[in-house]
């Protein structure tokens, strides 16, 4: 059965305009609630990292006597925020130089261009990025190539005869995409 406005219920009854308006509003409210239920976790996933404080942990990298004055060496340590299943990917490193008896400088292993690992070339006193040709001086300043900033320095301290580096997660947000 069809009424003058063309609406028919499944049982053949005519739908009044008030009933149609009520069902339309009810459908909109239910769809909005469903969209909100789906959107809340998505928004939380997107915005969550902005409010998450990254862990910073002092990691021992060796005894004071293990490092010679003037020498730059790669030191390995465990990332401060490893996941249980990370395995060897939880291991990271830094370049450590002993400048005098009690002073150390540590540089991030990651190039400021796209995060590739840099290598120390002792004979040239330079850090080289093999991926895109970035070159850094011994003090971390950019010498050539696409890196926009110097190598990040990591805080170092000597405590109880052990050299420690303040480790934090790799700063992915700071690299450009040149």
Foldseek 3Di string as FASTA:
>chain_A
DADPVGDADPVRHHDDPVRVVVVVVVVVVVVVVVVVVVVVVVVCVVCVVVPDDWDKDKWFFWFLVVADAADKDKTKDFAPDDDPPCPPVRIAIWIWHHNDSFDIKIFHQAFQAQGAGWDQDVVVQWTFRVPFTWIAHVVQATDDTDGPGGTDIWDWGADPRTIITTHTDDPRVRHDHD
